[in-house]
Amino acid sequence: MAADALAEAVQLLNGQSATARLLKVSQQAVSAKLASGKVCSAKWVLPLEAATGVSRHRLRPDLYPSEHLGGPQTDLLEAAR
């Protein structure tokens, strides 16, 4: 679940204040998002992934539906080259 991924990212960053500093938002914004249980802001996804290693797919599966960039189609393209 995306809310669990956000909580994991916050924990890896050692808390809400550190997460807020990374994202350039208030600690209250991070707290509110965690309390809501909803997915994080799209603007937060890439910085969180870069800082924590929590995948963009786990943070926002609606925006990044697959952890594999192309799946079988990419394999076919590579084979054709």
PDB file of N, CA and C in Angstrom:
ATOM      1  N   MET A   1       0.836  -1.177   0.000  1.00  0.00           N
ATOM      2  CA  MET A   1       0.000   0.000   0.000  1.00  0.00           C
ATOM      3  C   MET A   1       0.887   1.249   0.000  1.00  0.00           C
ATOM      4  N   ALA A   2       0.465   2.266  -0.721  1.00  0.00           N
ATOM      5  CA  ALA A   2       1.268   3.478  -0.881  1.00  0.00           C
ATOM      6  C   ALA A   2       1.491   4.207   0.447  1.00  0.00           C
ATOM      7  N   ALA A   3       0.501   4.195   1.319  1.00  0.00           N
ATOM      8  CA  ALA A   3       0.655   4.864   2.618  1.00  0.00           C
ATOM      9  C   ALA A   3       1.752   4.192   3.436  1.00  0.00           C
ATOM     10  N   ASP A   4       1.857   2.873   3.339  1.00  0.00           N
ATOM     11  CA  ASP A   4       2.922   2.154   4.042  1.00  0.00           C
ATOM     12  C   ASP A   4       4.292   2.523   3.472  1.00  0.00           C
ATOM     13  N   ALA A   5       4.353   2.716   2.164  1.00  0.00           N
ATOM     14  CA  ALA A   5       5.613   3.094   1.522  1.00  0.00           C
ATOM     15  C   ALA A   5       6.052   4.476   1.985  1.00  0.00           C
ATOM     16  N   LEU A   6       5.111   5.395   2.108  1.00  0.00           N
ATOM     17  CA  LEU A   6       5.449   6.727   2.611  1.00  0.00           C
ATOM     18  C   LEU A   6       5.946   6.644   4.050  1.00  0.00           C
ATOM     19  N   ALA A   7       5.290   5.865   4.881  1.00  0.00           N
ATOM     20  CA  ALA A   7       5.723   5.694   6.273  1.00  0.00           C
ATOM     21  C   ALA A   7       7.127   5.094   6.331  1.00  0.00           C
ATOM     22  N   GLU A   8       7.402   4.144   5.452  1.00  0.00           N
ATOM     23  CA  GLU A   8       8.743   3.547   5.398  1.00  0.00           C
ATOM     24  C   GLU A   8       9.784   4.587   5.008  1.00  0.00           C
ATOM     25  N   ALA A   9       9.470   5.404   4.016  1.00  0.00           N
ATOM     26  CA  ALA A   9      10.401   6.448   3.578  1.00  0.00           C
ATOM     27  C   ALA A   9      10.674   7.437   4.705  1.00  0.00           C
ATOM     28  N   VAL A  10       9.643   7.834   5.419  1.00  0.00           N
ATOM     29  CA  VAL A  10       9.805   8.761   6.549  1.00  0.00           C
ATOM     30  C   VAL A  10      10.700   8.141   7.612  1.00  0.00           C
ATOM     31  N   GLN A  11      10.494   6.867   7.891  1.00  0.00           N
ATOM     32  CA  GLN A  11      11.325   6.186   8.888  1.00  0.00           C
ATOM     33  C   GLN A  11      12.782   6.128   8.428  1.00  0.00           C
ATOM     34  N   LEU A  12      13.002   5.821   7.155  1.00  0.00           N
ATOM     35  CA  LEU A  12      14.368   5.752   6.627  1.00  0.00           C
ATOM     36  C   LEU A  12      15.077   7.105   6.682  1.00  0.00           C
ATOM     37  N   LEU A  13      14.300   8.169   6.612  1.00  0.00           N
ATOM     38  CA  LEU A  13      14.873   9.522   6.691  1.00  0.00           C
ATOM     39  C   LEU A  13      14.978  10.023   8.125  1.00  0.00           C
ATOM     40  N   ASN A  14      14.651   9.165   9.079  1.00  0.00           N
ATOM     41  CA  ASN A  14      14.747   9.484  10.510  1.00  0.00           C
ATOM     42  C   ASN A  14      13.717  10.501  10.969  1.00  0.00           C
ATOM     43  N   GLY A  15      12.524  10.424  10.400  1.00  0.00           N
ATOM     44  CA  GLY A  15      11.433  11.209  10.951  1.00  0.00           C
ATOM     45  C   GLY A  15      10.803  12.210  10.008  1.00  0.00           C
ATOM     46  N   GLN A  16       9.724  12.777  10.520  1.00  0.00           N
ATOM     47  CA  GLN A  16       8.933  13.716   9.738  1.00  0.00           C
ATOM     48  C   GLN A  16       9.663  15.028   9.473  1.00  0.00           C
ATOM     49  N   SER A  17      10.415  15.515  10.432  1.00  0.00           N
ATOM     50  CA  SER A  17      11.120  16.792  10.249  1.00  0.00           C
ATOM     51  C   SER A  17      12.172  16.689   9.153  1.00  0.00           C
ATOM     52  N   ALA A  18      12.931  15.604   9.165  1.00  0.00           N
ATOM     53  CA  ALA A  18      13.950  15.416   8.133  1.00  0.00           C
ATOM     54  C   ALA A  18      13.300  15.232   6.764  1.00  0.00           C
ATOM     55  N   THR A  19      12.184  14.537   6.735  1.00  0.00           N
ATOM     56  CA  THR A  19      11.455  14.342   5.482  1.00  0.00           C
ATOM     57  C   THR A  19      10.948  15.682   4.968  1.00  0.00           C
ATOM     58  N   ALA A  20      10.407  16.488   5.855  1.00  0.00           N
ATOM     59  CA  ALA A  20       9.910  17.810   5.475  1.00  0.00           C
ATOM     60  C   ALA A  20      11.026  18.686   4.908  1.00  0.00           C
ATOM     61  N   ARG A  21      12.193  18.637   5.519  1.00  0.00           N
ATOM     62  CA  ARG A  21      13.330  19.421   5.011  1.00  0.00           C
ATOM     63  C   ARG A  21      13.704  18.968   3.603  1.00  0.00           C
ATOM     64  N   LEU A  22      13.744  17.664   3.389  1.00  0.00           N
ATOM     65  CA  LEU A  22      14.065  17.131   2.062  1.00  0.00           C
ATOM     66  C   LEU A  22      13.053  17.615   1.022  1.00  0.00           C
ATOM     67  N   LEU A  23      11.786  17.580   1.385  1.00  0.00           N
ATOM     68  CA  LEU A  23      10.718  17.901   0.442  1.00  0.00           C
ATOM     69  C   LEU A  23      10.385  19.389   0.387  1.00  0.00           C
ATOM     70  N   LYS A  24      11.014  20.165   1.278  1.00  0.00           N
ATOM     71  CA  LYS A  24      10.765  21.611   1.347  1.00  0.00           C
ATOM     72  C   LYS A  24       9.297  21.923   1.627  1.00  0.00           C
ATOM     73  N   VAL A  25       8.770  21.186   2.596  1.00  0.00           N
ATOM     74  CA  VAL A  25       7.407  21.400   3.085  1.00  0.00           C
ATOM     75  C   VAL A  25       7.471  21.444   4.612  1.00  0.00           C
ATOM     76  N   SER A  26       6.355  21.733   5.234  1.00  0.00           N
ATOM     77  CA  SER A  26       6.328  21.753   6.697  1.00  0.00           C
ATOM     78  C   SER A  26       6.229  20.329   7.247  1.00  0.00           C
ATOM     79  N   GLN A  27       6.661  20.187   8.484  1.00  0.00           N
ATOM     80  CA  GLN A  27       6.519  18.899   9.155  1.00  0.00           C
ATOM     81  C   GLN A  27       5.052  18.550   9.276  1.00  0.00           C
ATOM     82  N   GLN A  28       4.212  19.556   9.444  1.00  0.00           N
ATOM     83  CA  GLN A  28       2.775  19.324   9.552  1.00  0.00           C
ATOM     84  C   GLN A  28       2.206  18.739   8.264  1.00  0.00           C
ATOM     85  N   ALA A  29       2.745  19.142   7.115  1.00  0.00           N
ATOM     86  CA  ALA A  29       2.281  18.591   5.836  1.00  0.00           C
ATOM     87  C   ALA A  29       2.597  17.106   5.746  1.00  0.00           C
ATOM     88  N   VAL A  30       3.779  16.730   6.210  1.00  0.00           N
ATOM     89  CA  VAL A  30       4.163  15.309   6.215  1.00  0.00           C
ATOM     90  C   VAL A  30       3.274  14.547   7.188  1.00  0.00           C
ATOM     91  N   SER A  31       3.072  15.099   8.363  1.00  0.00           N
ATOM     92  CA  SER A  31       2.239  14.458   9.371  1.00  0.00           C
ATOM     93  C   SER A  31       0.810  14.265   8.865  1.00  0.00           C
ATOM     94  N   ALA A  32       0.267  15.290   8.237  1.00  0.00           N
ATOM     95  CA  ALA A  32      -1.111  15.212   7.725  1.00  0.00           C
ATOM     96  C   ALA A  32      -1.242  14.142   6.649  1.00  0.00           C
ATOM     97  N   LYS A  33      -0.248  14.049   5.790  1.00  0.00           N
ATOM     98  CA  LYS A  33      -0.300  13.040   4.721  1.00  0.00           C
ATOM     99  C   LYS A  33      -0.219  11.644   5.323  1.00  0.00           C
ATOM    100  N   LEU A  34       0.634  11.458   6.304  1.00  0.00           N
ATOM    101  CA  LEU A  34       0.727  10.154   6.964  1.00  0.00           C
ATOM    102  C   LEU A  34      -0.585   9.797   7.667  1.00  0.00           C
ATOM    103  N   ALA A  35      -1.168  10.770   8.348  1.00  0.00           N
ATOM    104  CA  ALA A  35      -2.404  10.523   9.091  1.00  0.00           C
ATOM    105  C   ALA A  35      -3.573  10.234   8.164  1.00  0.00           C
ATOM    106  N   SER A  36      -3.549  10.810   6.975  1.00  0.00           N
ATOM    107  CA  SER A  36      -4.672  10.631   6.045  1.00  0.00           C
ATOM    108  C   SER A  36      -4.711   9.221   5.463  1.00  0.00           C
ATOM    109  N   GLY A  37      -3.537   8.573   5.404  1.00  0.00           N
ATOM    110  CA  GLY A  37      -3.478   7.241   4.807  1.00  0.00           C
ATOM    111  C   GLY A  37      -3.576   7.251   3.296  1.00  0.00           C
ATOM    112  N   LYS A  38      -3.481   8.427   2.701  1.00  0.00           N
ATOM    113  CA  LYS A  38      -3.567   8.555   1.246  1.00  0.00           C
ATOM    114  C   LYS A  38      -2.176   8.567   0.635  1.00  0.00           C
ATOM    115  N   VAL A  39      -2.141   8.480  -0.690  1.00  0.00           N
ATOM    116  CA  VAL A  39      -0.853   8.501  -1.391  1.00  0.00           C
ATOM    117  C   VAL A  39      -0.200   9.863  -1.231  1.00  0.00           C
ATOM    118  N   CYS A  40       1.110   9.904  -1.363  1.00  0.00           N
ATOM    119  CA  CYS A  40       1.827  11.160  -1.220  1.00  0.00           C
ATOM    120  C   CYS A  40       1.694  11.999  -2.489  1.00  0.00           C
ATOM    121  N   SER A  41       2.042  13.236  -2.366  1.00  0.00           N
ATOM    122  CA  SER A  41       2.010  14.154  -3.495  1.00  0.00           C
ATOM    123  C   SER A  41       2.936  13.649  -4.604  1.00  0.00           C
ATOM    124  N   ALA A  42       2.532  13.869  -5.831  1.00  0.00           N
ATOM    125  CA  ALA A  42       3.365  13.461  -6.973  1.00  0.00           C
ATOM    126  C   ALA A  42       4.728  14.153  -6.928  1.00  0.00           C
ATOM    127  N   LYS A  43       4.776  15.365  -6.397  1.00  0.00           N
ATOM    128  CA  LYS A  43       6.034  16.112  -6.303  1.00  0.00           C
ATOM    129  C   LYS A  43       7.006  15.466  -5.323  1.00  0.00           C
ATOM    130  N   TRP A  44       6.503  14.671  -4.424  1.00  0.00           N
ATOM    131  CA  TRP A  44       7.347  14.050  -3.404  1.00  0.00           C
ATOM    132  C   TRP A  44       8.004  12.758  -3.875  1.00  0.00           C
ATOM    133  N   VAL A  45       7.456  12.127  -4.877  1.00  0.00           N
ATOM    134  CA  VAL A  45       7.844  10.760  -5.236  1.00  0.00           C
ATOM    135  C   VAL A  45       9.320  10.627  -5.592  1.00  0.00           C
ATOM    136  N   LEU A  46       9.789  11.392  -6.553  1.00  0.00           N
ATOM    137  CA  LEU A  46      11.171  11.226  -7.013  1.00  0.00           C
ATOM    138  C   LEU A  46      12.204  11.600  -5.947  1.00  0.00           C
ATOM    139  N   PRO A  47      12.021  12.706  -5.198  1.00  0.00           N
ATOM    140  CA  PRO A  47      12.980  12.975  -4.122  1.00  0.00           C
ATOM    141  C   PRO A  47      12.999  11.880  -3.052  1.00  0.00           C
ATOM    142  N   LEU A  48      11.829  11.358  -2.711  1.00  0.00           N
ATOM    143  CA  LEU A  48      11.782  10.285  -1.708  1.00  0.00           C
ATOM    144  C   LEU A  48      12.467   9.031  -2.225  1.00  0.00           C
ATOM    145  N   GLU A  49      12.227   8.686  -3.477  1.00  0.00           N
ATOM    146  CA  GLU A  49      12.870   7.510  -4.043  1.00  0.00           C
ATOM    147  C   GLU A  49      14.391   7.678  -4.056  1.00  0.00           C
ATOM    148  N   ALA A  50      14.859   8.854  -4.476  1.00  0.00           N
ATOM    149  CA  ALA A  50      16.303   9.098  -4.538  1.00  0.00           C
ATOM    150  C   ALA A  50      16.954   9.042  -3.157  1.00  0.00           C
ATOM    151  N   ALA A  51      16.275   9.562  -2.158  1.00  0.00           N
ATOM    152  CA  ALA A  51      16.854   9.637  -0.814  1.00  0.00           C
ATOM    153  C   ALA A  51      16.742   8.342  -0.024  1.00  0.00           C
ATOM    154  N   THR A  52      15.731   7.537  -0.322  1.00  0.00           N
ATOM    155  CA  THR A  52      15.471   6.368   0.530  1.00  0.00           C
ATOM    156  C   THR A  52      15.558   5.032  -0.186  1.00  0.00           C
ATOM    157  N   GLY A  53      15.411   5.038  -1.496  1.00  0.00           N
ATOM    158  CA  GLY A  53      15.367   3.777  -2.227  1.00  0.00           C
ATOM    159  C   GLY A  53      13.987   3.137  -2.268  1.00  0.00           C
ATOM    160  N   VAL A  54      13.000   3.761  -1.620  1.00  0.00           N
ATOM    161  CA  VAL A  54      11.626   3.261  -1.705  1.00  0.00           C
ATOM    162  C   VAL A  54      11.142   3.582  -3.117  1.00  0.00           C
ATOM    163  N   SER A  55      10.708   2.579  -3.838  1.00  0.00           N
ATOM    164  CA  SER A  55      10.431   2.762  -5.264  1.00  0.00           C
ATOM    165  C   SER A  55       9.253   3.678  -5.527  1.00  0.00           C
ATOM    166  N   ARG A  56       9.334   4.365  -6.656  1.00  0.00           N
ATOM    167  CA  ARG A  56       8.244   5.244  -7.079  1.00  0.00           C
ATOM    168  C   ARG A  56       6.958   4.460  -7.290  1.00  0.00           C
ATOM    169  N   HIS A  57       7.080   3.206  -7.704  1.00  0.00           N
ATOM    170  CA  HIS A  57       5.900   2.361  -7.885  1.00  0.00           C
ATOM    171  C   HIS A  57       5.178   2.145  -6.558  1.00  0.00           C
ATOM    172  N   ARG A  58       5.939   1.910  -5.501  1.00  0.00           N
ATOM    173  CA  ARG A  58       5.312   1.702  -4.186  1.00  0.00           C
ATOM    174  C   ARG A  58       4.718   2.990  -3.644  1.00  0.00           C
ATOM    175  N   LEU A  59       5.368   4.123  -3.917  1.00  0.00           N
ATOM    176  CA  LEU A  59       4.880   5.405  -3.412  1.00  0.00           C
ATOM    177  C   LEU A  59       3.640   5.889  -4.151  1.00  0.00           C
ATOM    178  N   ARG A  60       3.597   5.704  -5.462  1.00  0.00           N
ATOM    179  CA  ARG A  60       2.457   6.155  -6.265  1.00  0.00           C
ATOM    180  C   ARG A  60       2.170   5.163  -7.388  1.00  0.00           C
ATOM    181  N   PRO A  61       1.567   4.038  -7.060  1.00  0.00           N
ATOM    182  CA  PRO A  61       1.291   3.033  -8.089  1.00  0.00           C
ATOM    183  C   PRO A  61       0.347   3.531  -9.180  1.00  0.00           C
ATOM    184  N   ASP A  62      -0.425   4.576  -8.896  1.00  0.00           N
ATOM    185  CA  ASP A  62      -1.305   5.130  -9.925  1.00  0.00           C
ATOM    186  C   ASP A  62      -0.521   5.885 -10.996  1.00  0.00           C
ATOM    187  N   LEU A  63       0.623   6.460 -10.626  1.00  0.00           N
ATOM    188  CA  LEU A  63       1.453   7.189 -11.584  1.00  0.00           C
ATOM    189  C   LEU A  63       2.548   6.330 -12.185  1.00  0.00           C
ATOM    190  N   TYR A  64       3.022   5.369 -11.426  1.00  0.00           N
ATOM    191  CA  TYR A  64       4.107   4.478 -11.859  1.00  0.00           C
ATOM    192  C   TYR A  64       3.630   3.046 -11.695  1.00  0.00           C
ATOM    193  N   PRO A  65       2.799   2.570 -12.630  1.00  0.00           N
ATOM    194  CA  PRO A  65       2.109   1.295 -12.438  1.00  0.00           C
ATOM    195  C   PRO A  65       2.986   0.059 -12.450  1.00  0.00           C
ATOM    196  N   SER A  66       4.206   0.145 -12.934  1.00  0.00           N
ATOM    197  CA  SER A  66       5.038  -1.048 -12.977  1.00  0.00           C
ATOM    198  C   SER A  66       6.451  -0.707 -12.566  1.00  0.00           C
ATOM    199  N   GLU A  67       7.063  -1.601 -11.823  1.00  0.00           N
ATOM    200  CA  GLU A  67       8.453  -1.380 -11.454  1.00  0.00           C
ATOM    201  C   GLU A  67       9.390  -1.701 -12.615  1.00  0.00           C
ATOM    202  N   HIS A  68       8.874  -2.337 -13.634  1.00  0.00           N
ATOM    203  CA  HIS A  68       9.665  -2.656 -14.816  1.00  0.00           C
ATOM    204  C   HIS A  68       9.302  -1.655 -15.896  1.00  0.00           C
ATOM    205  N   LEU A  69      10.288  -1.037 -16.482  1.00  0.00           N
ATOM    206  CA  LEU A  69      10.031   0.044 -17.416  1.00  0.00           C
ATOM    207  C   LEU A  69       9.272  -0.383 -18.655  1.00  0.00           C
ATOM    208  N   GLY A  70       9.556  -1.547 -19.176  1.00  0.00           N
ATOM    209  CA  GLY A  70       8.882  -1.903 -20.402  1.00  0.00           C
ATOM    210  C   GLY A  70       8.358  -3.310 -20.443  1.00  0.00           C
ATOM    211  N   GLY A  71       8.800  -4.121 -19.547  1.00  0.00           N
ATOM    212  CA  GLY A  71       8.336  -5.501 -19.533  1.00  0.00           C
ATOM    213  C   GLY A  71       8.673  -6.219 -20.828  1.00  0.00           C
ATOM    214  N   PRO A  72       7.777  -7.066 -21.304  1.00  0.00           N
ATOM    215  CA  PRO A  72       8.038  -7.873 -22.489  1.00  0.00           C
ATOM    216  C   PRO A  72       8.317  -7.050 -23.743  1.00  0.00           C
ATOM    217  N   GLN A  73       7.676  -5.883 -23.885  1.00  0.00           N
ATOM    218  CA  GLN A  73       7.912  -5.076 -25.069  1.00  0.00           C
ATOM    219  C   GLN A  73       9.354  -4.628 -25.152  1.00  0.00           C
ATOM    220  N   THR A  74       9.944  -4.234 -24.033  1.00  0.00           N
ATOM    221  CA  THR A  74      11.333  -3.815 -24.031  1.00  0.00           C
ATOM    222  C   THR A  74      12.225  -4.971 -24.471  1.00  0.00           C
ATOM    223  N   ASP A  75      11.924  -6.172 -24.017  1.00  0.00           N
ATOM    224  CA  ASP A  75      12.708  -7.332 -24.415  1.00  0.00           C
ATOM    225  C   ASP A  75      12.650  -7.545 -25.924  1.00  0.00           C
ATOM    226  N   LEU A  76      11.485  -7.348 -26.508  1.00  0.00           N
ATOM    227  CA  LEU A  76      11.345  -7.497 -27.957  1.00  0.00           C
ATOM    228  C   LEU A  76      12.129  -6.430 -28.696  1.00  0.00           C
ATOM    229  N   LEU A  77      12.124  -5.222 -28.193  1.00  0.00           N
ATOM    230  CA  LEU A  77      12.901  -4.157 -28.818  1.00  0.00           C
ATOM    231  C   LEU A  77      14.392  -4.437 -28.747  1.00  0.00           C
ATOM    232  N   GLU A  78      14.837  -4.902 -27.602  1.00  0.00           N
ATOM    233  CA  GLU A  78      16.255  -5.241 -27.439  1.00  0.00           C
ATOM    234  C   GLU A  78      16.650  -6.374 -28.367  1.00  0.00           C
ATOM    235  N   ALA A  79      15.786  -7.345 -28.536  1.00  0.00           N
ATOM    236  CA  ALA A  79      16.087  -8.478 -29.405  1.00  0.00           C
ATOM    237  C   ALA A  79      16.171  -8.054 -30.864  1.00  0.00           C
ATOM    238  N   ALA A  80      15.418  -7.042 -31.225  1.00  0.00           N
ATOM    239  CA  ALA A  80      15.413  -6.581 -32.617  1.00  0.00           C
ATOM    240  C   ALA A  80      16.660  -5.775 -32.967  1.00  0.00           C
ATOM    241  N   ARG A  81      17.334  -5.275 -31.981  1.00  0.00           N
ATOM    242  CA  ARG A  81      18.523  -4.437 -32.259  1.00  0.00           C
ATOM    243  C   ARG A  81      19.687  -5.236 -32.618  1.00  0.00           C
TER     244      ARG A  81
END
